[in-house]
């Protein structure tokens, strides 16, 4: 099981694809600030990459079908 507690409430993705952390305390139980920062950075990058991939799939989907 992941140590991510509540990803949807903790990470906000803007309409232009940027992600930011709304509430880090919802995400991790670790006390170490460096561990927390590393995990937040990795999570934000994962969300950005996921949104980017979804956008590419949506943009290229109809073109491939035609």
PDB file of N, CA and C in Angstrom:
ATOM      1  N   UNK A   1       0.840  -1.192   0.000  1.00  0.00           N
ATOM      2  CA  UNK A   1       0.000   0.000   0.000  1.00  0.00           C
ATOM      3  C   UNK A   1       0.877   1.244   0.000  1.00  0.00           C
ATOM      4  N   UNK A   2       0.480   2.201  -0.751  1.00  0.00           N
ATOM      5  CA  UNK A   2       1.231   3.443  -0.855  1.00  0.00           C
ATOM      6  C   UNK A   2       1.086   4.261   0.424  1.00  0.00           C
ATOM      7  N   UNK A   3       2.074   5.098   0.679  1.00  0.00           N
ATOM      8  CA  UNK A   3       1.971   5.974   1.840  1.00  0.00           C
ATOM      9  C   UNK A   3       1.278   7.283   1.489  1.00  0.00           C
ATOM     10  N   UNK A   4       0.786   7.411   0.282  1.00  0.00           N
ATOM     11  CA  UNK A   4       0.023   8.602  -0.091  1.00  0.00           C
ATOM     12  C   UNK A   4      -1.346   8.501   0.554  1.00  0.00           C
ATOM     13  N   UNK A   5      -1.691   9.495   1.349  1.00  0.00           N
ATOM     14  CA  UNK A   5      -2.936   9.436   2.103  1.00  0.00           C
ATOM     15  C   UNK A   5      -4.123   9.934   1.288  1.00  0.00           C
ATOM     16  N   UNK A   6      -3.995  11.090   0.698  1.00  0.00           N
ATOM     17  CA  UNK A   6      -5.122  11.631  -0.047  1.00  0.00           C
ATOM     18  C   UNK A   6      -4.608  12.509  -1.180  1.00  0.00           C
ATOM     19  N   UNK A   7      -4.274  11.885  -2.284  1.00  0.00           N
ATOM     20  CA  UNK A   7      -3.656  12.574  -3.409  1.00  0.00           C
ATOM     21  C   UNK A   7      -4.590  13.604  -4.033  1.00  0.00           C
ATOM     22  N   UNK A   8      -5.850  13.272  -4.192  1.00  0.00           N
ATOM     23  CA  UNK A   8      -6.783  14.185  -4.850  1.00  0.00           C
ATOM     24  C   UNK A   8      -6.952  15.500  -4.092  1.00  0.00           C
ATOM     25  N   UNK A   9      -7.008  15.446  -2.774  1.00  0.00           N
ATOM     26  CA  UNK A   9      -7.182  16.663  -1.987  1.00  0.00           C
ATOM     27  C   UNK A   9      -5.887  17.437  -1.815  1.00  0.00           C
ATOM     28  N   UNK A  10      -4.758  16.765  -1.941  1.00  0.00           N
ATOM     29  CA  UNK A  10      -3.481  17.401  -1.657  1.00  0.00           C
ATOM     30  C   UNK A  10      -2.853  18.063  -2.877  1.00  0.00           C
ATOM     31  N   UNK A  11      -3.135  17.555  -4.073  1.00  0.00           N
ATOM     32  CA  UNK A  11      -2.504  18.076  -5.283  1.00  0.00           C
ATOM     33  C   UNK A  11      -3.555  18.740  -6.155  1.00  0.00           C
ATOM     34  N   UNK A  12      -3.254  19.937  -6.606  1.00  0.00           N
ATOM     35  CA  UNK A  12      -4.144  20.668  -7.511  1.00  0.00           C
ATOM     36  C   UNK A  12      -3.441  20.790  -8.858  1.00  0.00           C
ATOM     37  N   UNK A  13      -4.145  20.515  -9.931  1.00  0.00           N
ATOM     38  CA  UNK A  13      -3.594  20.693 -11.273  1.00  0.00           C
ATOM     39  C   UNK A  13      -4.384  21.803 -11.949  1.00  0.00           C
ATOM     40  N   UNK A  14      -3.667  22.809 -12.413  1.00  0.00           N
ATOM     41  CA  UNK A  14      -4.325  23.945 -13.047  1.00  0.00           C
ATOM     42  C   UNK A  14      -4.699  23.600 -14.482  1.00  0.00           C
ATOM     43  N   UNK A  15      -5.530  24.432 -15.098  1.00  0.00           N
ATOM     44  CA  UNK A  15      -5.990  24.168 -16.463  1.00  0.00           C
ATOM     45  C   UNK A  15      -4.846  24.182 -17.475  1.00  0.00           C
ATOM     46  N   UNK A  16      -3.754  24.857 -17.156  1.00  0.00           N
ATOM     47  CA  UNK A  16      -2.615  24.867 -18.078  1.00  0.00           C
ATOM     48  C   UNK A  16      -1.631  23.735 -17.798  1.00  0.00           C
ATOM     49  N   UNK A  17      -1.999  22.792 -16.937  1.00  0.00           N
ATOM     50  CA  UNK A  17      -1.202  21.589 -16.721  1.00  0.00           C
ATOM     51  C   UNK A  17      -0.183  21.659 -15.606  1.00  0.00           C
ATOM     52  N   UNK A  18      -0.113  22.775 -14.896  1.00  0.00           N
ATOM     53  CA  UNK A  18       0.833  22.864 -13.785  1.00  0.00           C
ATOM     54  C   UNK A  18       0.214  22.267 -12.530  1.00  0.00           C
ATOM     55  N   UNK A  19       1.047  21.593 -11.753  1.00  0.00           N
ATOM     56  CA  UNK A  19       0.570  20.990 -10.510  1.00  0.00           C
ATOM     57  C   UNK A  19       1.207  21.711  -9.332  1.00  0.00           C
ATOM     58  N   UNK A  20       0.447  21.844  -8.259  1.00  0.00           N
ATOM     59  CA  UNK A  20       1.029  22.381  -7.041  1.00  0.00           C
ATOM     60  C   UNK A  20       0.416  21.674  -5.839  1.00  0.00           C
ATOM     61  N   UNK A  21       1.136  21.721  -4.743  1.00  0.00           N
ATOM     62  CA  UNK A  21       0.730  21.035  -3.527  1.00  0.00           C
ATOM     63  C   UNK A  21      -0.135  21.982  -2.706  1.00  0.00           C
ATOM     64  N   UNK A  22      -1.364  21.572  -2.427  1.00  0.00           N
ATOM     65  CA  UNK A  22      -2.258  22.399  -1.612  1.00  0.00           C
ATOM     66  C   UNK A  22      -2.028  22.141  -0.127  1.00  0.00           C
ATOM     67  N   UNK A  23      -1.860  20.881   0.236  1.00  0.00           N
ATOM     68  CA  UNK A  23      -1.710  20.543   1.647  1.00  0.00           C
ATOM     69  C   UNK A  23      -0.810  19.323   1.797  1.00  0.00           C
ATOM     70  N   UNK A  24       0.457  19.567   2.085  1.00  0.00           N
ATOM     71  CA  UNK A  24       1.433  18.485   2.179  1.00  0.00           C
ATOM     72  C   UNK A  24       1.132  17.540   3.337  1.00  0.00           C
ATOM     73  N   UNK A  25       0.490  18.031   4.369  1.00  0.00           N
ATOM     74  CA  UNK A  25       0.198  17.179   5.520  1.00  0.00           C
ATOM     75  C   UNK A  25      -0.783  16.068   5.184  1.00  0.00           C
ATOM     76  N   UNK A  26      -1.562  16.234   4.128  1.00  0.00           N
ATOM     77  CA  UNK A  26      -2.481  15.176   3.720  1.00  0.00           C
ATOM     78  C   UNK A  26      -1.760  14.038   3.006  1.00  0.00           C
ATOM     79  N   UNK A  27      -0.524  14.286   2.583  1.00  0.00           N
ATOM     80  CA  UNK A  27       0.145  13.313   1.733  1.00  0.00           C
ATOM     81  C   UNK A  27       0.959  12.269   2.479  1.00  0.00           C
ATOM     82  N   UNK A  28       1.818  12.691   3.354  1.00  0.00           N
ATOM     83  CA  UNK A  28       2.798  11.767   3.907  1.00  0.00           C
ATOM     84  C   UNK A  28       2.871  11.846   5.425  1.00  0.00           C
ATOM     85  N   UNK A  29       3.231  10.732   6.008  1.00  0.00           N
ATOM     86  CA  UNK A  29       3.386  10.661   7.461  1.00  0.00           C
ATOM     87  C   UNK A  29       4.838  10.842   7.905  1.00  0.00           C
ATOM     88  N   UNK A  30       5.780  10.831   6.973  1.00  0.00           N
ATOM     89  CA  UNK A  30       7.190  10.926   7.324  1.00  0.00           C
ATOM     90  C   UNK A  30       7.514  12.240   8.025  1.00  0.00           C
ATOM     91  N   UNK A  31       8.449  12.174   8.946  1.00  0.00           N
ATOM     92  CA  UNK A  31       8.869  13.366   9.678  1.00  0.00           C
ATOM     93  C   UNK A  31       9.989  14.108   8.951  1.00  0.00           C
ATOM     94  N   UNK A  32      10.788  13.378   8.202  1.00  0.00           N
ATOM     95  CA  UNK A  32      11.949  13.981   7.550  1.00  0.00           C
ATOM     96  C   UNK A  32      11.525  14.952   6.453  1.00  0.00           C
ATOM     97  N   UNK A  33      11.945  16.180   6.583  1.00  0.00           N
ATOM     98  CA  UNK A  33      11.580  17.205   5.601  1.00  0.00           C
ATOM     99  C   UNK A  33      12.154  16.897   4.219  1.00  0.00           C
ATOM    100  N   UNK A  34      13.378  16.399   4.159  1.00  0.00           N
ATOM    101  CA  UNK A  34      13.969  16.075   2.858  1.00  0.00           C
ATOM    102  C   UNK A  34      13.205  14.942   2.175  1.00  0.00           C
ATOM    103  N   UNK A  35      12.830  13.924   2.925  1.00  0.00           N
ATOM    104  CA  UNK A  35      12.039  12.836   2.346  1.00  0.00           C
ATOM    105  C   UNK A  35      10.709  13.369   1.833  1.00  0.00           C
ATOM    106  N   UNK A  36      10.096  14.216   2.605  1.00  0.00           N
ATOM    107  CA  UNK A  36       8.806  14.793   2.215  1.00  0.00           C
ATOM    108  C   UNK A  36       8.956  15.610   0.930  1.00  0.00           C
ATOM    109  N   UNK A  37       9.983  16.443   0.866  1.00  0.00           N
ATOM    110  CA  UNK A  37      10.184  17.269  -0.323  1.00  0.00           C
ATOM    111  C   UNK A  37      10.460  16.421  -1.562  1.00  0.00           C
ATOM    112  N   UNK A  38      11.268  15.374  -1.407  1.00  0.00           N
ATOM    113  CA  UNK A  38      11.543  14.483  -2.535  1.00  0.00           C
ATOM    114  C   UNK A  38      10.269  13.818  -3.031  1.00  0.00           C
ATOM    115  N   UNK A  39       9.463  13.351  -2.104  1.00  0.00           N
ATOM    116  CA  UNK A  39       8.225  12.664  -2.480  1.00  0.00           C
ATOM    117  C   UNK A  39       7.213  13.622  -3.097  1.00  0.00           C
ATOM    118  N   UNK A  40       7.145  14.840  -2.572  1.00  0.00           N
ATOM    119  CA  UNK A  40       6.239  15.833  -3.150  1.00  0.00           C
ATOM    120  C   UNK A  40       6.657  16.186  -4.571  1.00  0.00           C
ATOM    121  N   UNK A  41       7.940  16.348  -4.774  1.00  0.00           N
ATOM    122  CA  UNK A  41       8.442  16.662  -6.104  1.00  0.00           C
ATOM    123  C   UNK A  41       8.145  15.525  -7.076  1.00  0.00           C
ATOM    124  N   UNK A  42       8.384  14.297  -6.654  1.00  0.00           N
ATOM    125  CA  UNK A  42       8.111  13.138  -7.505  1.00  0.00           C
ATOM    126  C   UNK A  42       6.623  13.017  -7.803  1.00  0.00           C
ATOM    127  N   UNK A  43       5.794  13.267  -6.809  1.00  0.00           N
ATOM    128  CA  UNK A  43       4.346  13.183  -7.007  1.00  0.00           C
ATOM    129  C   UNK A  43       3.864  14.266  -7.972  1.00  0.00           C
ATOM    130  N   UNK A  44       4.356  15.483  -7.795  1.00  0.00           N
ATOM    131  CA  UNK A  44       3.959  16.567  -8.696  1.00  0.00           C
ATOM    132  C   UNK A  44       4.371  16.247 -10.128  1.00  0.00           C
ATOM    133  N   UNK A  45       5.579  15.712 -10.311  1.00  0.00           N
ATOM    134  CA  UNK A  45       6.031  15.361 -11.656  1.00  0.00           C
ATOM    135  C   UNK A  45       5.189  14.231 -12.239  1.00  0.00           C
ATOM    136  N   UNK A  46       4.807  13.279 -11.410  1.00  0.00           N
ATOM    137  CA  UNK A  46       3.965  12.168 -11.860  1.00  0.00           C
ATOM    138  C   UNK A  46       2.599  12.683 -12.331  1.00  0.00           C
ATOM    139  N   UNK A  47       2.023  13.601 -11.576  1.00  0.00           N
ATOM    140  CA  UNK A  47       0.723  14.171 -11.947  1.00  0.00           C
ATOM    141  C   UNK A  47       0.850  14.946 -13.257  1.00  0.00           C
ATOM    142  N   UNK A  48       1.896  15.745 -13.381  1.00  0.00           N
ATOM    143  CA  UNK A  48       2.107  16.517 -14.610  1.00  0.00           C
ATOM    144  C   UNK A  48       2.264  15.582 -15.803  1.00  0.00           C
ATOM    145  N   UNK A  49       3.091  14.544 -15.656  1.00  0.00           N
ATOM    146  CA  UNK A  49       3.301  13.600 -16.754  1.00  0.00           C
ATOM    147  C   UNK A  49       2.021  12.872 -17.121  1.00  0.00           C
ATOM    148  N   UNK A  50       1.231  12.516 -16.134  1.00  0.00           N
ATOM    149  CA  UNK A  50      -0.031  11.822 -16.375  1.00  0.00           C
ATOM    150  C   UNK A  50      -0.991  12.709 -17.152  1.00  0.00           C
ATOM    151  N   UNK A  51      -1.099  13.972 -16.731  1.00  0.00           N
ATOM    152  CA  UNK A  51      -1.984  14.904 -17.432  1.00  0.00           C
ATOM    153  C   UNK A  51      -1.497  15.152 -18.854  1.00  0.00           C
ATOM    154  N   UNK A  52      -0.181  15.267 -19.015  1.00  0.00           N
ATOM    155  CA  UNK A  52       0.400  15.497 -20.335  1.00  0.00           C
ATOM    156  C   UNK A  52       0.094  14.320 -21.264  1.00  0.00           C
ATOM    157  N   UNK A  53       0.261  13.104 -20.754  1.00  0.00           N
ATOM    158  CA  UNK A  53      -0.013  11.902 -21.546  1.00  0.00           C
ATOM    159  C   UNK A  53      -1.491  11.815 -21.906  1.00  0.00           C
ATOM    160  N   UNK A  54      -2.361  12.144 -20.966  1.00  0.00           N
ATOM    161  CA  UNK A  54      -3.802  12.110 -21.231  1.00  0.00           C
ATOM    162  C   UNK A  54      -4.170  13.138 -22.293  1.00  0.00           C
ATOM    163  N   UNK A  55      -3.574  14.312 -22.216  1.00  0.00           N
ATOM    164  CA  UNK A  55      -3.851  15.354 -23.199  1.00  0.00           C
ATOM    165  C   UNK A  55      -3.400  14.909 -24.588  1.00  0.00           C
ATOM    166  N   UNK A  56      -2.208  14.275 -24.670  1.00  0.00           N
ATOM    167  CA  UNK A  56      -1.718  13.791 -25.961  1.00  0.00           C
ATOM    168  C   UNK A  56      -2.633  12.709 -26.519  1.00  0.00           C
ATOM    169  N   UNK A  57      -3.093  11.807 -25.648  1.00  0.00           N
ATOM    170  CA  UNK A  57      -4.019  10.757 -26.101  1.00  0.00           C
ATOM    171  C   UNK A  57      -5.305  11.375 -26.621  1.00  0.00           C
ATOM    172  N   UNK A  58      -5.824  12.359 -25.918  1.00  0.00           N
ATOM    173  CA  UNK A  58      -7.071  13.003 -26.332  1.00  0.00           C
ATOM    174  C   UNK A  58      -6.908  13.778 -27.632  1.00  0.00           C
ATOM    175  N   UNK A  59      -5.761  14.420 -27.800  1.00  0.00           N
ATOM    176  CA  UNK A  59      -5.531  15.205 -29.013  1.00  0.00           C
ATOM    177  C   UNK A  59      -5.284  14.317 -30.223  1.00  0.00           C
ATOM    178  N   UNK A  60      -4.617  13.186 -30.035  1.00  0.00           N
ATOM    179  CA  UNK A  60      -4.284  12.332 -31.170  1.00  0.00           C
ATOM    180  C   UNK A  60      -5.350  11.268 -31.431  1.00  0.00           C
ATOM    181  N   UNK A  61      -6.241  11.043 -30.492  1.00  0.00           N
ATOM    182  CA  UNK A  61      -7.267  10.009 -30.642  1.00  0.00           C
ATOM    183  C   UNK A  61      -8.150  10.180 -31.860  1.00  0.00           C
ATOM    184  N   UNK A  62      -8.844  11.307 -32.009  1.00  0.00           N
ATOM    185  CA  UNK A  62      -9.733  11.482 -33.169  1.00  0.00           C
ATOM    186  C   UNK A  62      -8.980  11.462 -34.501  1.00  0.00           C
ATOM    187  N   UNK A  63      -7.752  11.968 -34.533  1.00  0.00           N
ATOM    188  CA  UNK A  63      -6.980  11.983 -35.774  1.00  0.00           C
ATOM    189  C   UNK A  63      -6.651  10.565 -36.227  1.00  0.00           C
ATOM    190  N   UNK A  64      -6.341   9.687 -35.281  1.00  0.00           N
ATOM    191  CA  UNK A  64      -6.036   8.304 -35.623  1.00  0.00           C
ATOM    192  C   UNK A  64      -7.285   7.568 -36.087  1.00  0.00           C
ATOM    193  N   UNK A  65      -8.419   7.911 -35.523  1.00  0.00           N
ATOM    194  CA  UNK A  65      -9.666   7.225 -35.856  1.00  0.00           C
ATOM    195  C   UNK A  65     -10.158   7.617 -37.246  1.00  0.00           C
ATOM    196  N   UNK A  66      -9.801   8.816 -37.697  1.00  0.00           N
ATOM    197  CA  UNK A  66     -10.303   9.307 -38.991  1.00  0.00           C
ATOM    198  C   UNK A  66      -9.610   8.668 -40.175  1.00  0.00           C
TER     199      UNK A  66
END
